[in-house]
Amino acid sequence: MAPSNVQILHPGDVIGETYVVEGCVGGGGMGQVFVARDRRLDRRVAIKLWHTEVGQSDAASARFEREARMLSRVVHPNVVAIYDYGQRDGAWYIVMELVDGLSLGEWLAKHGPLSLDDTLTVTRQVASSLAEAHALGIIHRDIKPGNILLRRLASGGLVTKVVDFGLARAFDEGSDITAEQTVLGTPYYMSPEQIQCTALDGRSDLYSLAIVVFEMITGRVPFRRDTMQGTLIAHLVEVPPPLNMPLRSGGIPPEFELELHRAMAKAPEDRHGDMMAFARALAAAVGVEAAADVGTARCDTCDGSVRAGDVFCRSCGAPQALEACAQCGAPREGKRLACGACGAALVVTGRHGGGQTPGSTEGETPLCEQPAVALVARV
């Protein structure tokens, strides 16, 4: 029997007068997550429904409303978008973008450690999303594989989405919430300053992301002990272990390990200055930074560098428009997504079955696990 604070919802139940529940996809100590259909806009959404006890505590309600406000402020290609929030029978809910894919944790369990190239791609995208949050004065506080969603595009690229800012707290919030001396987070990924309940800034998220990078490469976390207390103490006093595991694509450069260990320094001031400095340092350590600047264009979505020939942005995963029409050869005009001469689409997506993606080899199978979503704009 379900606990009394858990709302039992069934397919067909309606939340907020417009969201029709299709099914439950998971849950935890704070609430449950449902897939629903927005019948006003005819789209599928994800709904996080908090347990009813949240509505009975002023602090918990403030925490929920803070999550909704924060998510609405962070608009970035690698952050799950928030659409709506409200209450249902005393329980708060938040309506979010539905992402078809696996969490990084599920991906690692299914496929094992990532390649170096995929590790750098995921790191850069997550770092970019957190850099935007930090610029808005927001710390995530719970960066871990379960809060990073992955989706393989038909073009071969990976798109990441950071979810669950439920434990985030703004740098400048009032003391009624920030004064709580509760250790919030996931022990395997918590920074030393988070464990000690001291003042946090974006370098706490940087530490957590470094732990995730270690796990993406090795398949294990650096500080795993038999008890939660042992794990927390290891974060505080122990030196990160060596990677000691060759990547599928070759060995690990020692410079890469040095930068990773720097990001896991016990003192925030000994780490990289910000998220993108960390991502750039890892890329430079394996010699890809210089290559990324050769023959580059700018991504229309995030303004990141895009290498010549890429059909997706390595920073945010957005599909990229061709600089010349594949049908008639006419150059792209401004930021148009369709050829001004013949009207052909300039955005390339992978294809299933017949057909060939420009630049691919006849008979080559696209690297994908599910169809890519293409956004078509009228120009």
Protein backbone atom coordinates (compact mmCIF):
# COMPACT_ATOMS: atom_id res chain seq x y z
CA MET A 1 0.00 0.00 0.00
CA ALA A 2 1.30 3.45 -0.91
CA PRO A 3 2.24 5.90 1.90
CA SER A 4 -0.52 8.34 2.85
CA ASN A 5 1.41 11.30 1.48
CA VAL A 6 1.67 9.78 -2.03
CA GLN A 7 -1.07 10.64 -4.51
CA ILE A 8 -2.20 7.67 -6.60
CA LEU A 9 -2.75 8.81 -10.18
CA HIS A 10 -3.94 6.63 -13.04
CA PRO A 11 -3.93 7.04 -16.84
CA GLY A 12 -6.72 9.47 -17.73
CA ASP A 13 -6.52 11.49 -14.50
CA VAL A 14 -6.27 15.24 -15.09
CA ILE A 15 -3.84 17.64 -13.41
CA GLY A 16 -4.38 21.38 -13.60
CA GLU A 17 -7.42 21.02 -15.89
CA THR A 18 -5.29 20.43 -18.99
CA TYR A 19 -2.67 17.72 -18.35
CA VAL A 20 -3.97 14.18 -18.91
CA VAL A 21 -1.85 11.55 -17.16
CA GLU A 22 -0.51 8.75 -19.36
CA GLY A 23 1.60 6.91 -16.79
CA CYS A 24 4.15 7.08 -13.98
CA VAL A 25 7.82 6.87 -14.94
CA GLY A 26 9.47 7.00 -11.53
CA GLY A 27 9.54 8.44 -8.04
CA GLY A 28 11.60 9.10 -4.96
CA GLY A 29 11.53 10.50 -1.50
CA MET A 30 10.25 13.90 -2.61
CA GLY A 31 7.66 12.96 -5.23
CA GLN A 32 6.73 11.13 -8.40
CA VAL A 33 7.22 11.84 -12.10
CA PHE A 34 4.44 11.28 -14.64
CA VAL A 35 4.16 11.51 -18.39
CA ALA A 36 1.07 13.46 -19.45
CA ARG A 37 -0.42 15.10 -22.51
CA ASP A 38 -1.10 18.82 -22.61
CA ARG A 39 -4.46 18.84 -24.36
CA ARG A 40 -4.32 22.58 -25.01
CA LEU A 41 -1.07 22.43 -26.99
CA ASP A 42 -1.29 18.72 -27.95
CA ARG A 43 2.17 17.83 -26.68
CA ARG A 44 3.54 15.32 -24.21
CA VAL A 45 5.09 16.70 -21.02
CA ALA A 46 6.70 15.46 -17.83
CA ILE A 47 5.05 16.32 -14.52
CA LYS A 48 6.86 16.13 -11.20
CA LEU A 49 4.24 15.79 -8.45
CA TRP A 50 5.58 16.38 -4.98
CA HIS A 51 4.19 14.44 -2.01
CA THR A 52 1.37 16.16 -0.12
CA GLU A 53 3.58 16.85 2.92
CA VAL A 54 5.26 19.59 0.88
CA GLY A 55 2.09 21.68 0.97
CA GLN A 56 1.92 21.42 4.76
CA SER A 57 5.32 22.98 5.44
CA ASP A 58 6.10 26.62 4.75
CA ALA A 59 9.80 25.83 4.23
CA ALA A 60 9.04 22.96 1.83
CA SER A 61 6.53 25.04 -0.12
CA ALA A 62 9.10 27.82 -0.40
CA ARG A 63 11.61 25.25 -1.63
CA PHE A 64 9.21 24.06 -4.32
CA GLU A 65 8.29 27.53 -5.54
CA ARG A 66 11.97 28.38 -5.60
CA GLU A 67 12.60 25.39 -7.90
CA ALA A 68 9.87 26.54 -10.28
CA ARG A 69 11.12 30.12 -10.40
CA MET A 70 14.73 29.07 -10.86
CA LEU A 71 13.97 26.64 -13.65
CA SER A 72 11.99 29.30 -15.49
CA ARG A 73 14.99 31.66 -15.33
CA VAL A 74 17.50 29.18 -16.76
CA VAL A 75 16.77 29.15 -20.49
CA HIS A 76 19.45 27.05 -22.19
CA PRO A 77 19.52 24.25 -24.79
CA ASN A 78 20.95 21.84 -22.21
CA VAL A 79 18.47 22.54 -19.41
CA VAL A 80 15.03 20.93 -19.27
CA ALA A 81 12.45 23.68 -19.83
CA ILE A 82 9.70 24.45 -17.32
CA TYR A 83 6.19 25.13 -18.67
CA ASP A 84 3.88 25.47 -15.67
CA TYR A 85 3.40 24.74 -11.97
CA GLY A 86 0.56 24.64 -9.46
CA GLN A 87 -1.17 22.51 -6.81
CA ARG A 88 -3.41 19.46 -6.96
CA ASP A 89 -5.24 18.35 -3.80
CA GLY A 90 -2.60 19.98 -1.61
CA ALA A 91 0.39 18.65 -3.58
CA TRP A 92 2.63 20.88 -5.67
CA TYR A 93 3.40 19.92 -9.26
CA ILE A 94 5.73 21.25 -11.92
CA VAL A 95 5.25 20.72 -15.67
CA MET A 96 8.44 20.28 -17.66
CA GLU A 97 9.76 19.44 -21.08
CA LEU A 98 9.63 15.69 -21.75
CA VAL A 99 13.01 14.33 -22.86
CA ASP A 100 13.07 10.94 -24.57
CA GLY A 101 16.33 9.34 -23.57
CA LEU A 102 18.30 7.77 -20.76
CA SER A 103 19.85 9.33 -17.70
CA LEU A 104 23.63 9.26 -17.71
CA GLY A 105 23.42 6.72 -14.89
CA GLU A 106 21.21 4.43 -16.98
CA TRP A 107 23.47 4.97 -20.00
CA LEU A 108 26.56 3.94 -18.03
CA ALA A 109 24.79 0.87 -16.66
CA LYS A 110 23.69 -0.16 -20.17
CA HIS A 111 26.74 0.78 -22.26
CA GLY A 112 29.62 1.09 -19.80
CA PRO A 113 32.16 3.95 -19.72
CA LEU A 114 31.92 6.62 -22.42
CA SER A 115 34.50 7.24 -25.10
CA LEU A 116 36.79 10.21 -24.58
CA ASP A 117 35.03 12.17 -27.33
CA ASP A 118 31.59 11.56 -25.80
CA THR A 119 32.95 12.37 -22.34
CA LEU A 120 34.19 15.75 -23.55
CA THR A 121 30.89 16.42 -25.36
CA VAL A 122 28.78 15.68 -22.28
CA THR A 123 31.15 17.66 -20.05
CA ARG A 124 31.06 20.72 -22.27
CA GLN A 125 27.26 20.68 -22.58
CA VAL A 126 26.68 20.24 -18.85
CA ALA A 127 29.33 22.88 -18.06
CA SER A 128 27.67 25.29 -20.51
CA SER A 129 24.25 24.82 -18.89
CA LEU A 130 25.66 25.31 -15.38
CA ALA A 131 27.64 28.36 -16.49
CA GLU A 132 24.32 29.92 -17.51
CA ALA A 133 22.74 29.02 -14.17
CA HIS A 134 25.72 30.41 -12.26
CA ALA A 135 25.53 33.65 -14.26
CA LEU A 136 21.96 33.97 -12.97
CA GLY A 137 23.09 33.40 -9.38
CA ILE A 138 21.86 29.79 -9.18
CA ILE A 139 23.71 26.71 -7.91
CA HIS A 140 22.32 23.30 -8.85
CA ARG A 141 23.66 21.47 -5.75
CA ASP A 142 22.85 17.95 -6.99
CA ILE A 143 24.83 17.29 -10.17
CA LYS A 144 24.96 13.52 -10.66
CA PRO A 145 24.38 11.01 -13.50
CA GLY A 146 20.72 10.67 -12.54
CA ASN A 147 20.16 14.38 -13.19
CA ILE A 148 21.80 14.40 -16.62
CA LEU A 149 19.71 13.07 -19.51
CA LEU A 150 21.35 11.82 -22.70
CA ARG A 151 19.99 11.36 -26.19
CA ARG A 152 21.91 10.05 -29.19
CA LEU A 153 21.07 11.96 -32.37
CA ALA A 154 20.77 10.28 -35.74
CA SER A 155 23.76 12.36 -36.81
CA GLY A 156 25.86 10.61 -34.15
CA GLY A 157 26.04 13.45 -31.64
CA LEU A 158 24.96 13.39 -28.01
CA VAL A 159 22.53 15.92 -26.56
CA THR A 160 22.42 16.37 -22.79
CA LYS A 161 19.76 17.96 -20.62
CA VAL A 162 20.31 18.88 -16.96
CA VAL A 163 17.26 18.28 -14.79
CA ASP A 164 16.07 18.70 -11.22
CA PHE A 165 17.14 22.01 -9.76
CA GLY A 166 15.09 21.03 -6.71
CA LEU A 167 18.09 21.36 -4.41
CA ALA A 168 19.39 24.50 -6.04
CA ARG A 169 19.55 27.69 -4.05
CA ALA A 170 20.35 31.19 -5.18
CA PHE A 171 23.44 32.99 -3.91
CA ASP A 172 21.41 35.96 -2.74
CA GLU A 173 18.35 34.29 -1.21
CA GLY A 174 17.08 35.20 2.20
CA SER A 175 18.34 33.53 5.34
CA ASP A 176 15.01 31.83 6.08
CA ILE A 177 15.94 29.06 3.66
CA THR A 178 19.69 29.27 3.23
CA ALA A 179 20.26 29.10 6.96
CA GLU A 180 18.97 25.52 7.11
CA GLN A 181 21.84 23.33 8.31
CA THR A 182 20.66 20.27 6.39
CA VAL A 183 23.11 18.40 4.18
CA LEU A 184 21.25 18.21 0.87
CA GLY A 185 22.70 16.36 -2.07
CA THR A 186 23.91 12.91 -3.12
CA PRO A 187 26.90 11.71 -1.05
CA TYR A 188 28.96 10.28 -3.93
CA TYR A 189 28.97 13.67 -5.71
CA MET A 190 28.95 16.25 -2.92
CA SER A 191 31.66 18.86 -2.60
CA PRO A 192 33.58 19.23 0.69
CA GLU A 193 32.04 22.63 1.33
CA GLN A 194 28.56 21.22 0.72
CA ILE A 195 29.21 18.45 3.25
CA GLN A 196 30.42 21.01 5.78
CA CYS A 197 27.37 23.27 5.22
CA THR A 198 29.55 26.28 4.43
CA ALA A 199 28.95 29.00 1.84
CA LEU A 200 28.68 27.66 -1.72
CA ASP A 201 29.33 29.08 -5.15
CA GLY A 202 29.51 27.60 -8.63
CA ARG A 203 32.76 25.77 -7.83
CA SER A 204 30.71 23.32 -5.75
CA ASP A 205 28.89 22.24 -8.93
CA LEU A 206 32.28 22.11 -10.66
CA TYR A 207 33.52 19.58 -8.08
CA SER A 208 30.40 17.45 -8.58
CA LEU A 209 30.79 17.55 -12.36
CA ALA A 210 34.42 16.42 -11.99
CA ILE A 211 33.18 13.39 -10.02
CA VAL A 212 30.74 12.66 -12.85
CA VAL A 213 33.54 12.97 -15.44
CA PHE A 214 35.61 10.47 -13.44
CA GLU A 215 32.65 8.08 -13.51
CA MET A 216 31.99 8.59 -17.24
CA ILE A 217 35.56 7.46 -17.95
CA THR A 218 35.99 4.66 -15.42
CA GLY A 219 32.46 3.47 -14.71
CA ARG A 220 32.95 4.08 -10.99
CA VAL A 221 32.94 7.01 -8.57
CA PRO A 222 36.25 7.98 -6.93
CA PHE A 223 34.98 7.95 -3.34
CA ARG A 224 32.81 4.91 -2.67
CA ARG A 225 32.86 3.56 0.87
CA ASP A 226 30.75 1.06 2.80
CA THR A 227 28.85 3.75 4.71
CA MET A 228 27.55 7.22 3.88
CA GLN A 229 29.71 8.64 6.67
CA GLY A 230 32.80 6.98 5.20
CA THR A 231 32.00 8.40 1.77
CA LEU A 232 31.57 11.94 3.13
CA ILE A 233 34.83 11.73 5.08
CA ALA A 234 36.65 10.55 1.94
CA HIS A 235 35.46 13.68 0.10
CA LEU A 236 36.90 15.79 2.91
CA VAL A 237 40.34 14.22 3.43
CA GLU A 238 41.29 11.68 0.75
CA VAL A 239 43.17 12.31 -2.50
CA PRO A 240 41.26 11.27 -5.64
CA PRO A 241 42.46 7.89 -6.92
CA PRO A 242 44.19 7.58 -10.31
CA LEU A 243 41.98 6.77 -13.28
CA ASN A 244 43.93 3.56 -14.03
CA MET A 245 41.58 2.58 -16.83
CA PRO A 246 42.23 2.86 -20.56
CA LEU A 247 39.52 4.42 -22.68
CA ARG A 248 37.98 2.52 -25.56
CA SER A 249 39.55 5.07 -27.90
CA GLY A 250 43.03 4.91 -26.34
CA GLY A 251 44.90 5.81 -23.17
CA ILE A 252 44.20 8.73 -20.86
CA PRO A 253 46.67 11.62 -21.25
CA PRO A 254 48.30 12.47 -17.90
CA GLU A 255 47.39 16.14 -18.44
CA PHE A 256 43.72 15.14 -18.51
CA GLU A 257 44.04 13.40 -15.15
CA LEU A 258 45.84 16.40 -13.67
CA GLU A 259 43.04 18.76 -14.72
CA LEU A 260 40.42 16.34 -13.40
CA HIS A 261 42.18 16.08 -10.04
CA ARG A 262 42.48 19.87 -9.91
CA ALA A 263 38.70 20.14 -10.29
CA MET A 264 38.34 17.77 -7.32
CA ALA A 265 40.55 19.86 -5.05
CA LYS A 266 39.28 20.10 -1.47
CA ALA A 267 39.46 23.92 -1.42
CA PRO A 268 37.30 25.76 -3.97
CA GLU A 269 40.05 28.29 -4.69
CA ASP A 270 42.33 25.47 -5.87
CA ARG A 271 39.88 24.43 -8.60
CA HIS A 272 39.30 25.99 -12.00
CA GLY A 273 37.76 29.45 -11.91
CA ASP A 274 34.45 28.48 -13.55
CA MET A 275 32.65 25.71 -15.40
CA MET A 276 33.81 26.59 -18.90
CA ALA A 277 37.43 26.96 -17.76
CA PHE A 278 37.20 23.35 -16.56
CA ALA A 279 35.66 22.13 -19.82
CA ARG A 280 38.27 23.96 -21.89
CA ALA A 281 41.09 22.61 -19.73
CA LEU A 282 39.97 19.01 -20.30
CA ALA A 283 39.67 19.60 -24.04
CA ALA A 284 43.12 21.20 -24.19
CA ALA A 285 44.60 18.29 -22.22
CA VAL A 286 43.69 15.87 -25.01
CA GLY A 287 44.65 18.26 -27.80
CA VAL A 288 41.22 19.05 -29.24
CA GLU A 289 40.99 22.74 -28.34
CA ALA A 290 43.21 23.93 -31.20
CA ALA A 291 41.44 21.69 -33.67
CA ALA A 292 38.08 23.09 -32.60
CA ASP A 293 39.14 26.56 -33.72
CA VAL A 294 40.06 25.50 -37.26
CA GLY A 295 37.43 26.28 -39.87
CA THR A 296 34.73 27.04 -37.30
CA ALA A 297 31.38 28.77 -37.54
CA ARG A 298 29.11 29.93 -34.70
CA CYS A 299 26.12 27.94 -33.46
CA ASP A 300 22.83 29.82 -33.98
CA THR A 301 21.51 28.45 -30.67
CA CYS A 302 24.35 28.90 -28.15
CA ASP A 303 26.95 30.86 -30.17
CA GLY A 304 29.54 28.15 -29.50
CA SER A 305 32.20 27.15 -32.02
CA VAL A 306 31.15 24.61 -34.64
CA ARG A 307 33.72 22.79 -36.73
CA ALA A 308 33.39 22.73 -40.50
CA GLY A 309 31.31 19.71 -41.49
CA ASP A 310 29.61 19.22 -38.12
CA VAL A 311 25.86 18.69 -38.38
CA PHE A 312 25.32 19.30 -34.66
CA CYS A 313 26.82 21.72 -32.15
CA ARG A 314 29.31 20.05 -29.81
CA SER A 315 28.41 22.54 -27.07
CA CYS A 316 24.59 22.35 -27.01
CA GLY A 317 23.74 19.56 -29.48
CA ALA A 318 21.56 21.78 -31.69
CA PRO A 319 21.37 20.79 -35.39
CA GLN A 320 23.43 23.07 -37.63
CA ALA A 321 22.44 24.57 -40.96
CA LEU A 322 24.56 23.96 -44.06
CA GLU A 323 26.47 27.01 -45.29
CA ALA A 324 25.53 26.10 -48.87
CA CYS A 325 22.43 24.34 -50.22
CA ALA A 326 23.00 20.64 -50.98
CA GLN A 327 20.40 20.82 -53.77
CA CYS A 328 21.37 23.87 -55.82
CA GLY A 329 24.65 25.01 -54.26
CA ALA A 330 23.41 28.50 -53.34
CA PRO A 331 25.10 30.00 -50.24
CA ARG A 332 23.13 30.36 -47.03
CA GLU A 333 21.60 33.81 -46.53
CA GLY A 334 22.06 35.09 -42.98
CA LYS A 335 20.55 32.63 -40.50
CA ARG A 336 17.86 31.25 -42.79
CA LEU A 337 17.05 27.55 -42.31
CA ALA A 338 15.85 27.13 -45.90
CA CYS A 339 17.59 27.91 -49.18
CA GLY A 340 16.57 31.32 -50.54
CA ALA A 341 17.00 30.07 -54.12
CA CYS A 342 15.20 26.70 -54.19
CA GLY A 343 13.56 26.42 -50.75
CA ALA A 344 15.36 23.21 -49.73
CA ALA A 345 15.97 22.67 -46.01
CA LEU A 346 19.45 23.59 -44.79
CA VAL A 347 19.23 21.73 -41.47
CA VAL A 348 20.63 18.22 -41.76
CA THR A 349 19.20 15.34 -39.74
CA GLY A 350 20.01 11.64 -39.85
CA ARG A 351 17.67 9.34 -41.78
CA HIS A 352 16.43 5.85 -41.12
CA GLY A 353 16.01 3.33 -43.89
CA GLY A 354 16.67 4.75 -47.33
CA GLY A 355 18.35 8.01 -48.18
CA GLN A 356 21.74 9.43 -47.43
CA THR A 357 22.83 12.26 -45.17
CA PRO A 358 25.04 14.80 -46.95
CA GLY A 359 28.66 13.87 -46.24
CA SER A 360 27.85 10.26 -45.29
CA THR A 361 28.83 7.08 -47.08
CA GLU A 362 26.39 4.97 -49.08
CA GLY A 363 24.95 2.21 -46.91
CA GLU A 364 26.34 3.65 -43.68
CA THR A 365 24.09 3.07 -40.66
CA PRO A 366 23.35 6.24 -38.67
CA LEU A 367 24.62 6.13 -35.06
CA CYS A 368 21.35 6.45 -33.23
CA GLU A 369 19.08 4.66 -30.85
CA GLN A 370 15.93 6.65 -31.57
CA PRO A 371 14.75 9.16 -34.17
CA ALA A 372 16.05 12.70 -33.91
CA VAL A 373 13.60 15.55 -33.39
CA ALA A 374 13.85 18.20 -36.10
CA LEU A 375 12.50 21.70 -35.52
CA VAL A 376 11.17 23.13 -38.77
CA ALA A 377 10.83 26.91 -39.04
CA ARG A 378 9.12 28.88 -41.75
CA VAL A 379 11.46 31.54 -43.10
